[in-house]
Amino acid sequence: MTQLFHVLLTTEKKKTNTIIKSISFNETEIPNLRTKRAILKEQDFNWTFPINYYIWDGINADSVRYALKLIEDETCIRFKEIFSLDNATGLEFVNDQGCSSFLGRVEIDRTQEVGIVCDCQSVSWIMHLVLHSLGVLHEETRPDRNNFVFIDWNNIIKDKTNAFDIDNKSEVETFNLRYDYGSLMHSNGTAYSRNGKQTIITRNILMYRKIGFAKKLSFNDAKLLNFYYCNTTCPQELPCNNHGYTDPNNCSKCKCLPNFVGDRCEKLKENYEVCGPVLRYGFNKSSLLRINGIKSCNFRLKSFNGSKLRLLLESANLPKPTRCTTDTGFEVKYILDKSVLGATFCGINYYRVLTSVGDDVIIHYKGDNENNYFKLFFWTI
């Protein structure tokens, strides 16, 4: 039995008592939606690598190839382009099925379709759809989603409410990875909206309007795929630090969070001559951190006595991209789990206050013109 998920660039799930497997995602009804990241524990059939793929005429083949390469770069998953459908298996990129994908591998002796039309020919959309084919579900349907987002049922199109059904905990695996507002697989806040108002509201106000706009795999998107598909690739597990893990593409090294370096991900990337020291200690009396200009700087603020830190972003003039992401402006990772998207700030900001959950905070600044700067005070509480 095949179940069809219709989405406003998210999914609708018609649940049965069977394991969720032969499911098609149709993602054409609304633009600008992204979704996330539990993965099916069991699939109809297991993918073996390389996964063959065939691209129909009329599709931007270069975008498909690049999207698949980006997945390969971050995981042990491999793809191989084929130019004939005779006795073919794998993925078939078509342009007559909307934006759509089956969930997991559902065909063993023939290709299964991935629908690519104008609305979803971007590299990020293609990756999103391919992740569905690899078994990855939408983030906002994770079993723990109610701890991180609130669903406003009053704003949802009547016959689309089951798009927000929570996944059965016994059927999906998260590998204890934290809910990530910055996942490529997270839906836009107005998914399935009947009136243009928010349907998905982040419980963390700092993440408001930050969901659904990722352009690449988040660190934990790739980690999920690697834990599921690549856990036997390397002969031994390395003792990696700071949420790093053994790199399936180089078993002698750890795969590190962005801006972390070292064979074991033991330190933040440093640019001392431009940015000064990475490690800054917070005391009872406030300390000032100010950086300006075209720079890329990392800082770790740490309490001297193990207490929490209070941060005051007094003022900032930061880059103003269309969407404020981890790659631009100013990001503050202030919760215990530094592997997920932090609070991001772009444009003009005044008097923003944050409190760390633990005794340290990771900050990344990226200025793209000489007028960019931030002025931050921090102290222990």
Protein backbone atom coordinates (compact mmCIF):
# COMPACT_ATOMS: atom_id res chain seq x y z
CA MET A 1 0.00 0.00 0.00
CA THR A 2 1.48 3.34 -1.03
CA GLN A 3 0.63 6.40 0.99
CA LEU A 4 0.84 9.86 -0.54
CA PHE A 5 2.04 12.86 1.39
CA HIS A 6 0.78 16.14 -0.03
CA VAL A 7 2.67 19.11 1.24
CA LEU A 8 2.91 22.81 1.16
CA LEU A 9 6.56 22.04 0.70
CA THR A 10 6.27 19.89 3.77
CA THR A 11 4.43 16.61 4.25
CA GLU A 12 1.04 15.21 5.05
CA LYS A 13 0.98 11.76 6.57
CA LYS A 14 -1.95 9.36 6.34
CA LYS A 15 -1.07 6.94 9.10
CA THR A 16 -1.84 3.24 9.08
CA ASN A 17 -0.92 0.49 11.50
CA THR A 18 1.91 -0.61 9.23
CA ILE A 19 5.47 0.66 9.36
CA ILE A 20 5.75 3.88 7.36
CA LYS A 21 7.52 2.86 4.19
CA SER A 22 6.10 3.19 0.68
CA ILE A 23 5.37 6.87 0.93
CA SER A 24 5.49 9.52 -1.75
CA PHE A 25 6.12 13.14 -0.81
CA ASN A 26 4.52 15.68 -3.13
CA GLU A 27 6.00 19.08 -2.35
CA THR A 28 4.65 21.40 -5.04
CA GLU A 29 1.78 23.27 -3.46
CA ILE A 30 3.64 26.09 -1.68
CA PRO A 31 7.10 27.62 -2.07
CA ASN A 32 9.78 28.26 0.52
CA LEU A 33 9.29 25.27 2.80
CA ARG A 34 11.92 23.02 4.29
CA THR A 35 11.64 20.00 6.60
CA LYS A 36 13.78 17.61 8.95
CA ARG A 37 15.32 14.84 10.48
CA ALA A 38 14.44 11.61 12.01
CA ILE A 39 15.07 8.59 9.79
CA LEU A 40 13.07 5.41 9.31
CA LYS A 41 14.37 2.54 11.42
CA GLU A 42 13.24 0.07 8.78
CA GLN A 43 12.81 0.56 5.03
CA ASP A 44 11.21 -1.70 2.42
CA PHE A 45 14.64 -2.33 0.93
CA ASN A 46 18.13 -1.22 1.87
CA TRP A 47 20.09 1.06 -0.42
CA THR A 48 23.41 -0.26 -1.66
CA PHE A 49 26.10 2.05 -2.98
CA PRO A 50 26.59 3.49 -5.44
CA ILE A 51 22.94 4.44 -5.98
CA ASN A 52 22.27 4.72 -9.70
CA TYR A 53 20.46 7.80 -10.94
CA TYR A 54 18.99 8.84 -14.27
CA ILE A 55 18.06 12.43 -15.23
CA TRP A 56 15.26 13.21 -17.66
CA ASP A 57 15.69 15.83 -20.36
CA GLY A 58 14.34 19.23 -19.31
CA ILE A 59 15.85 19.02 -15.82
CA ASN A 60 18.89 21.02 -14.76
CA ALA A 61 21.29 18.08 -14.73
CA ASP A 62 24.16 20.12 -13.31
CA SER A 63 22.07 21.03 -10.25
CA VAL A 64 21.21 17.37 -9.67
CA ARG A 65 24.84 16.31 -10.00
CA TYR A 66 26.02 19.06 -7.67
CA ALA A 67 23.37 18.26 -5.06
CA LEU A 68 24.40 14.61 -5.05
CA LYS A 69 28.07 15.56 -4.83
CA LEU A 70 27.37 17.69 -1.76
CA ILE A 71 25.76 14.67 -0.09
CA GLU A 72 28.75 12.52 -1.09
CA ASP A 73 31.18 15.08 0.32
CA GLU A 74 29.55 14.86 3.76
CA THR A 75 28.76 11.13 3.94
CA CYS A 76 29.81 7.68 2.76
CA ILE A 77 26.80 7.62 0.40
CA ARG A 78 27.73 7.35 -3.27
CA PHE A 79 25.79 7.92 -6.49
CA LYS A 80 26.44 6.87 -10.09
CA GLU A 81 24.83 8.48 -13.11
CA ILE A 82 23.40 6.10 -15.71
CA PHE A 83 22.24 6.96 -19.22
CA SER A 84 19.80 4.15 -19.94
CA LEU A 85 16.78 2.89 -18.04
CA ASP A 86 17.13 -0.66 -19.37
CA ASN A 87 17.05 -2.95 -16.32
CA ALA A 88 17.87 0.09 -14.19
CA THR A 89 17.50 0.49 -10.45
CA GLY A 90 18.03 3.56 -8.28
CA LEU A 91 16.64 7.10 -8.58
CA GLU A 92 14.96 8.55 -11.65
CA PHE A 93 14.73 12.36 -11.69
CA VAL A 94 11.54 13.25 -13.58
CA ASN A 95 9.70 16.48 -14.35
CA ASP A 96 6.09 15.31 -14.54
CA GLN A 97 5.45 14.49 -10.87
CA GLY A 98 5.70 17.88 -9.18
CA CYS A 99 8.20 18.18 -6.32
CA SER A 100 8.00 14.69 -4.90
CA SER A 101 9.89 11.74 -3.51
CA PHE A 102 9.20 8.37 -1.96
CA LEU A 103 10.28 7.89 1.63
CA GLY A 104 13.13 5.41 1.69
CA ARG A 105 13.85 2.75 -0.91
CA VAL A 106 10.59 1.23 -2.14
CA GLU A 107 11.74 -0.47 -5.37
CA ILE A 108 14.32 -3.25 -5.60
CA ASP A 109 14.21 -4.13 -9.30
CA ARG A 110 13.45 -0.78 -10.94
CA THR A 111 13.96 2.93 -10.46
CA GLN A 112 11.87 5.08 -8.14
CA GLU A 113 10.99 8.62 -9.13
CA VAL A 114 12.10 11.92 -7.66
CA GLY A 115 9.94 14.73 -9.02
CA ILE A 116 11.82 17.89 -10.00
CA VAL A 117 9.95 20.88 -11.45
CA CYS A 118 10.71 24.60 -11.62
CA ASP A 119 9.86 25.25 -7.97
CA CYS A 120 12.33 22.67 -6.71
CA GLN A 121 15.26 22.64 -9.11
CA SER A 122 17.52 24.47 -6.68
CA VAL A 123 20.39 22.47 -5.24
CA SER A 124 18.96 22.67 -1.72
CA TRP A 125 15.57 21.41 -2.84
CA ILE A 126 17.09 18.52 -4.73
CA MET A 127 19.08 17.52 -1.65
CA HIS A 128 15.91 17.79 0.42
CA LEU A 129 14.04 15.41 -1.89
CA VAL A 130 16.94 12.97 -2.12
CA LEU A 131 17.09 12.83 1.68
CA HIS A 132 13.46 11.72 1.63
CA SER A 133 14.49 8.95 -0.76
CA LEU A 134 17.15 7.99 1.76
CA GLY A 135 14.47 7.69 4.45
CA VAL A 136 14.80 11.06 6.22
CA LEU A 137 11.58 12.50 7.62
CA HIS A 138 10.53 16.07 8.35
CA GLU A 139 11.93 17.66 11.52
CA GLU A 140 8.68 19.08 12.82
CA THR A 141 7.14 15.59 12.99
CA ARG A 142 9.84 14.17 15.27
CA PRO A 143 8.49 12.49 18.41
CA ASP A 144 9.94 15.30 20.58
CA ARG A 145 8.79 18.21 18.41
CA ASN A 146 6.37 19.65 20.98
CA ASN A 147 9.35 20.59 23.14
CA PHE A 148 10.65 22.86 20.38
CA VAL A 149 7.73 24.12 18.28
CA PHE A 150 4.07 24.89 18.79
CA ILE A 151 1.60 23.97 16.04
CA ASP A 152 -1.19 26.52 15.57
CA TRP A 153 -3.97 24.28 14.32
CA ASN A 154 -6.30 27.24 13.77
CA ASN A 155 -4.16 28.48 10.87
CA ILE A 156 -3.82 25.14 9.05
CA ILE A 157 -5.83 24.24 5.95
CA LYS A 158 -8.57 21.90 7.18
CA ASP A 159 -7.67 18.82 5.19
CA LYS A 160 -3.92 19.23 5.80
CA THR A 161 -3.80 18.88 9.59
CA ASN A 162 -2.42 15.36 9.41
CA ALA A 163 0.72 16.82 7.82
CA PHE A 164 1.67 17.66 11.40
CA ASP A 165 1.06 14.24 12.92
CA ILE A 166 3.96 13.23 15.14
CA ASP A 167 6.01 10.25 13.98
CA ASN A 168 5.67 7.01 15.88
CA LYS A 169 8.65 6.78 18.22
CA SER A 170 9.01 3.06 17.58
CA GLU A 171 9.37 3.58 13.82
CA VAL A 172 11.96 6.35 13.60
CA GLU A 173 15.51 6.89 14.82
CA THR A 174 17.11 10.19 15.85
CA PHE A 175 20.37 8.77 17.28
CA ASN A 176 19.82 11.20 20.18
CA LEU A 177 20.60 14.15 17.92
CA ARG A 178 18.94 17.31 19.18
CA TYR A 179 16.07 18.97 17.35
CA ASP A 180 17.70 21.41 14.92
CA TYR A 181 15.93 24.56 13.78
CA GLY A 182 18.65 24.91 11.13
CA SER A 183 18.11 21.58 9.41
CA LEU A 184 17.67 21.40 5.65
CA MET A 185 14.64 19.25 6.45
CA HIS A 186 12.71 21.75 8.61
CA SER A 187 9.52 23.32 7.29
CA ASN A 188 8.82 27.00 6.89
CA GLY A 189 6.73 28.61 9.62
CA THR A 190 3.73 29.11 7.31
CA ALA A 191 3.54 25.52 6.03
CA TYR A 192 -0.06 24.60 5.11
CA SER A 193 -1.32 27.98 6.24
CA ARG A 194 -4.87 28.81 5.20
CA ASN A 195 -4.43 32.52 5.91
CA GLY A 196 -0.73 33.32 5.58
CA LYS A 197 -0.22 33.20 9.35
CA GLN A 198 2.25 31.02 11.20
CA THR A 199 1.42 27.34 11.54
CA ILE A 200 4.75 26.37 13.13
CA ILE A 201 5.88 28.66 15.95
CA THR A 202 9.25 28.13 17.57
CA ARG A 203 9.15 27.90 21.35
CA ASN A 204 12.53 29.64 21.36
CA ILE A 205 11.70 33.20 20.29
CA LEU A 206 15.27 33.68 19.01
CA MET A 207 14.52 31.09 16.31
CA TYR A 208 11.41 32.89 15.08
CA ARG A 209 11.51 33.15 11.28
CA LYS A 210 14.74 31.13 11.19
CA ILE A 211 13.18 27.78 10.25
CA GLY A 212 12.78 26.49 6.73
CA PHE A 213 15.48 28.44 4.91
CA ALA A 214 18.58 26.23 5.07
CA LYS A 215 20.52 25.96 1.82
CA LYS A 216 22.71 23.00 2.71
CA LEU A 217 22.90 19.99 5.00
CA SER A 218 23.28 20.99 8.61
CA PHE A 219 26.01 19.27 10.59
CA ASN A 220 23.42 16.99 12.19
CA ASP A 221 21.67 16.24 8.88
CA ALA A 222 24.94 14.73 7.66
CA LYS A 223 25.58 13.09 11.03
CA LEU A 224 22.19 11.37 10.92
CA LEU A 225 22.92 9.94 7.46
CA ASN A 226 26.38 8.82 8.51
CA PHE A 227 25.14 7.15 11.69
CA TYR A 228 22.47 5.30 9.71
CA TYR A 229 24.34 4.35 6.55
CA CYS A 230 28.03 4.53 7.46
CA ASN A 231 28.40 3.07 10.95
CA THR A 232 30.43 0.10 9.66
CA THR A 233 32.59 2.07 7.21
CA CYS A 234 35.48 2.62 9.62
CA PRO A 235 37.13 -0.18 11.65
CA GLN A 236 37.13 1.81 14.88
CA GLU A 237 35.48 4.84 16.43
CA LEU A 238 37.76 7.76 17.22
CA PRO A 239 37.54 9.74 20.50
CA CYS A 240 36.30 12.97 18.93
CA ASN A 241 35.51 16.15 20.87
CA ASN A 242 32.87 18.88 20.53
CA HIS A 243 30.21 16.71 18.85
CA GLY A 244 32.65 15.44 16.25
CA TYR A 245 32.59 11.83 15.07
CA THR A 246 34.70 9.49 12.94
CA ASP A 247 34.72 10.74 9.35
CA PRO A 248 33.51 7.91 7.07
CA ASN A 249 35.40 9.53 4.19
CA ASN A 250 38.66 9.56 6.17
CA CYS A 251 38.67 7.07 9.02
CA SER A 252 41.86 8.52 10.52
CA LYS A 253 40.19 11.86 11.30
CA CYS A 254 37.17 13.22 13.06
CA LYS A 255 34.41 15.05 11.22
CA CYS A 256 34.13 18.37 13.03
CA LEU A 257 31.53 21.04 13.55
CA PRO A 258 31.97 24.11 11.34
CA ASN A 259 34.74 26.32 12.72
CA PHE A 260 36.25 23.50 14.80
CA VAL A 261 39.60 22.03 13.77
CA GLY A 262 42.16 19.43 14.85
CA ASP A 263 42.35 15.68 14.33
CA ARG A 264 39.93 15.29 17.26
CA CYS A 265 37.96 18.54 16.80
CA GLU A 266 39.62 19.82 19.94
CA LYS A 267 39.78 23.54 19.18
CA LEU A 268 38.03 26.44 17.51
CA LYS A 269 39.54 27.79 14.31
CA GLU A 270 41.74 30.73 15.26
CA ASN A 271 42.69 33.93 13.42
CA TYR A 272 44.72 35.60 16.17
CA GLU A 273 46.29 38.42 14.14
CA VAL A 274 42.89 39.62 12.92
CA CYS A 275 40.52 38.63 15.73
CA GLY A 276 42.64 38.26 18.84
CA PRO A 277 42.46 35.26 21.20
CA VAL A 278 39.65 32.75 20.79
CA LEU A 279 39.14 32.05 24.50
CA ARG A 280 37.75 34.91 26.60
CA TYR A 281 36.85 34.49 30.28
CA GLY A 282 33.82 36.05 31.89
CA PHE A 283 33.98 37.44 35.43
CA ASN A 284 31.58 39.18 37.81
CA LYS A 285 32.42 42.50 36.18
CA SER A 286 31.42 42.90 32.54
CA SER A 287 34.00 42.45 29.79
CA LEU A 288 33.81 44.00 26.33
CA LEU A 289 34.23 42.16 23.04
CA ARG A 290 34.15 44.32 19.91
CA ILE A 291 35.09 43.35 16.35
CA ASN A 292 34.60 45.31 13.15
CA GLY A 293 35.20 45.05 9.42
CA ILE A 294 35.56 42.28 6.85
CA LYS A 295 36.57 39.37 9.05
CA SER A 296 35.64 35.85 10.05
CA CYS A 297 36.19 35.34 13.78
CA ASN A 298 35.41 32.66 16.35
CA PHE A 299 35.27 33.11 20.10
CA ARG A 300 34.59 30.93 23.09
CA LEU A 301 33.33 32.84 26.11
CA LYS A 302 33.74 30.84 29.30
CA SER A 303 32.77 31.53 32.89
CA PHE A 304 35.78 31.54 35.21
CA ASN A 305 33.84 29.79 38.00
CA GLY A 306 31.46 27.43 36.19
CA SER A 307 28.43 29.71 36.45
CA LYS A 308 26.24 30.92 33.61
CA LEU A 309 27.05 33.89 31.41
CA ARG A 310 24.88 36.89 30.61
CA LEU A 311 25.48 38.49 27.20
CA LEU A 312 24.41 41.95 26.10
CA LEU A 313 24.72 42.66 22.39
CA GLU A 314 24.68 46.41 22.87
CA SER A 315 24.82 47.26 19.19
CA ALA A 316 25.71 45.67 15.86
CA ASN A 317 25.74 46.53 12.19
CA LEU A 318 25.83 43.18 10.43
CA PRO A 319 25.39 41.87 6.89
CA LYS A 320 21.77 41.85 5.68
CA PRO A 321 21.20 38.77 3.51
CA THR A 322 17.74 37.75 2.34
CA ARG A 323 17.73 35.13 5.10
CA CYS A 324 19.83 35.24 8.24
CA THR A 325 21.73 31.95 8.46
CA THR A 326 24.75 30.52 10.23
CA ASP A 327 27.03 31.60 7.36
CA THR A 328 26.39 35.34 7.68
CA GLY A 329 26.38 37.97 10.39
CA PHE A 330 26.63 36.93 14.02
CA GLU A 331 25.79 33.56 15.58
CA VAL A 332 25.68 32.78 19.30
CA LYS A 333 25.60 29.14 20.41
CA TYR A 334 24.49 29.46 24.01
CA ILE A 335 22.76 26.15 24.78
CA LEU A 336 24.66 23.05 25.93
CA ASP A 337 24.47 21.33 22.54
CA LYS A 338 26.65 23.38 20.20
CA SER A 339 25.93 21.09 17.22
CA VAL A 340 22.66 22.82 16.29
CA LEU A 341 21.83 26.27 14.94
CA GLY A 342 22.50 29.06 17.41
CA ALA A 343 20.82 32.44 17.71
CA THR A 344 21.66 34.33 14.51
CA PHE A 345 21.62 38.10 14.05
CA CYS A 346 21.84 40.15 10.86
CA GLY A 347 21.36 43.82 9.99
CA ILE A 348 21.06 46.49 12.70
CA ASN A 349 20.67 45.24 16.29
CA TYR A 350 20.47 46.97 19.67
CA TYR A 351 20.33 45.65 23.22
CA ARG A 352 19.84 41.94 22.66
CA VAL A 353 20.24 39.93 25.87
CA LEU A 354 21.04 36.21 26.09
CA THR A 355 21.83 33.89 28.98
CA SER A 356 23.93 30.77 28.53
CA VAL A 357 22.51 27.40 29.54
CA GLY A 358 25.94 26.16 30.62
CA ASP A 359 29.21 27.88 31.45
CA ASP A 360 30.33 28.66 27.92
CA VAL A 361 29.18 30.26 24.67
CA ILE A 362 30.50 29.92 21.12
CA ILE A 363 30.36 33.02 18.89
CA HIS A 364 30.99 33.33 15.17
CA TYR A 365 31.20 36.72 13.43
CA LYS A 366 31.40 37.14 9.67
CA GLY A 367 31.49 40.69 8.34
CA ASP A 368 31.35 41.38 4.61
CA ASN A 369 32.03 45.15 4.58
CA GLU A 370 34.09 47.64 6.56
CA ASN A 371 31.02 49.09 8.31
CA ASN A 372 30.07 45.79 9.91
CA TYR A 373 30.75 45.41 13.63
CA PHE A 374 29.39 44.12 16.91
CA LYS A 375 29.80 45.38 20.47
CA LEU A 376 29.14 42.77 23.14
CA PHE A 377 29.38 42.86 26.93
CA PHE A 378 29.44 39.62 28.94
CA TRP A 379 29.70 38.66 32.61
CA THR A 380 28.96 35.81 35.00
CA ILE A 381 25.66 35.51 36.88
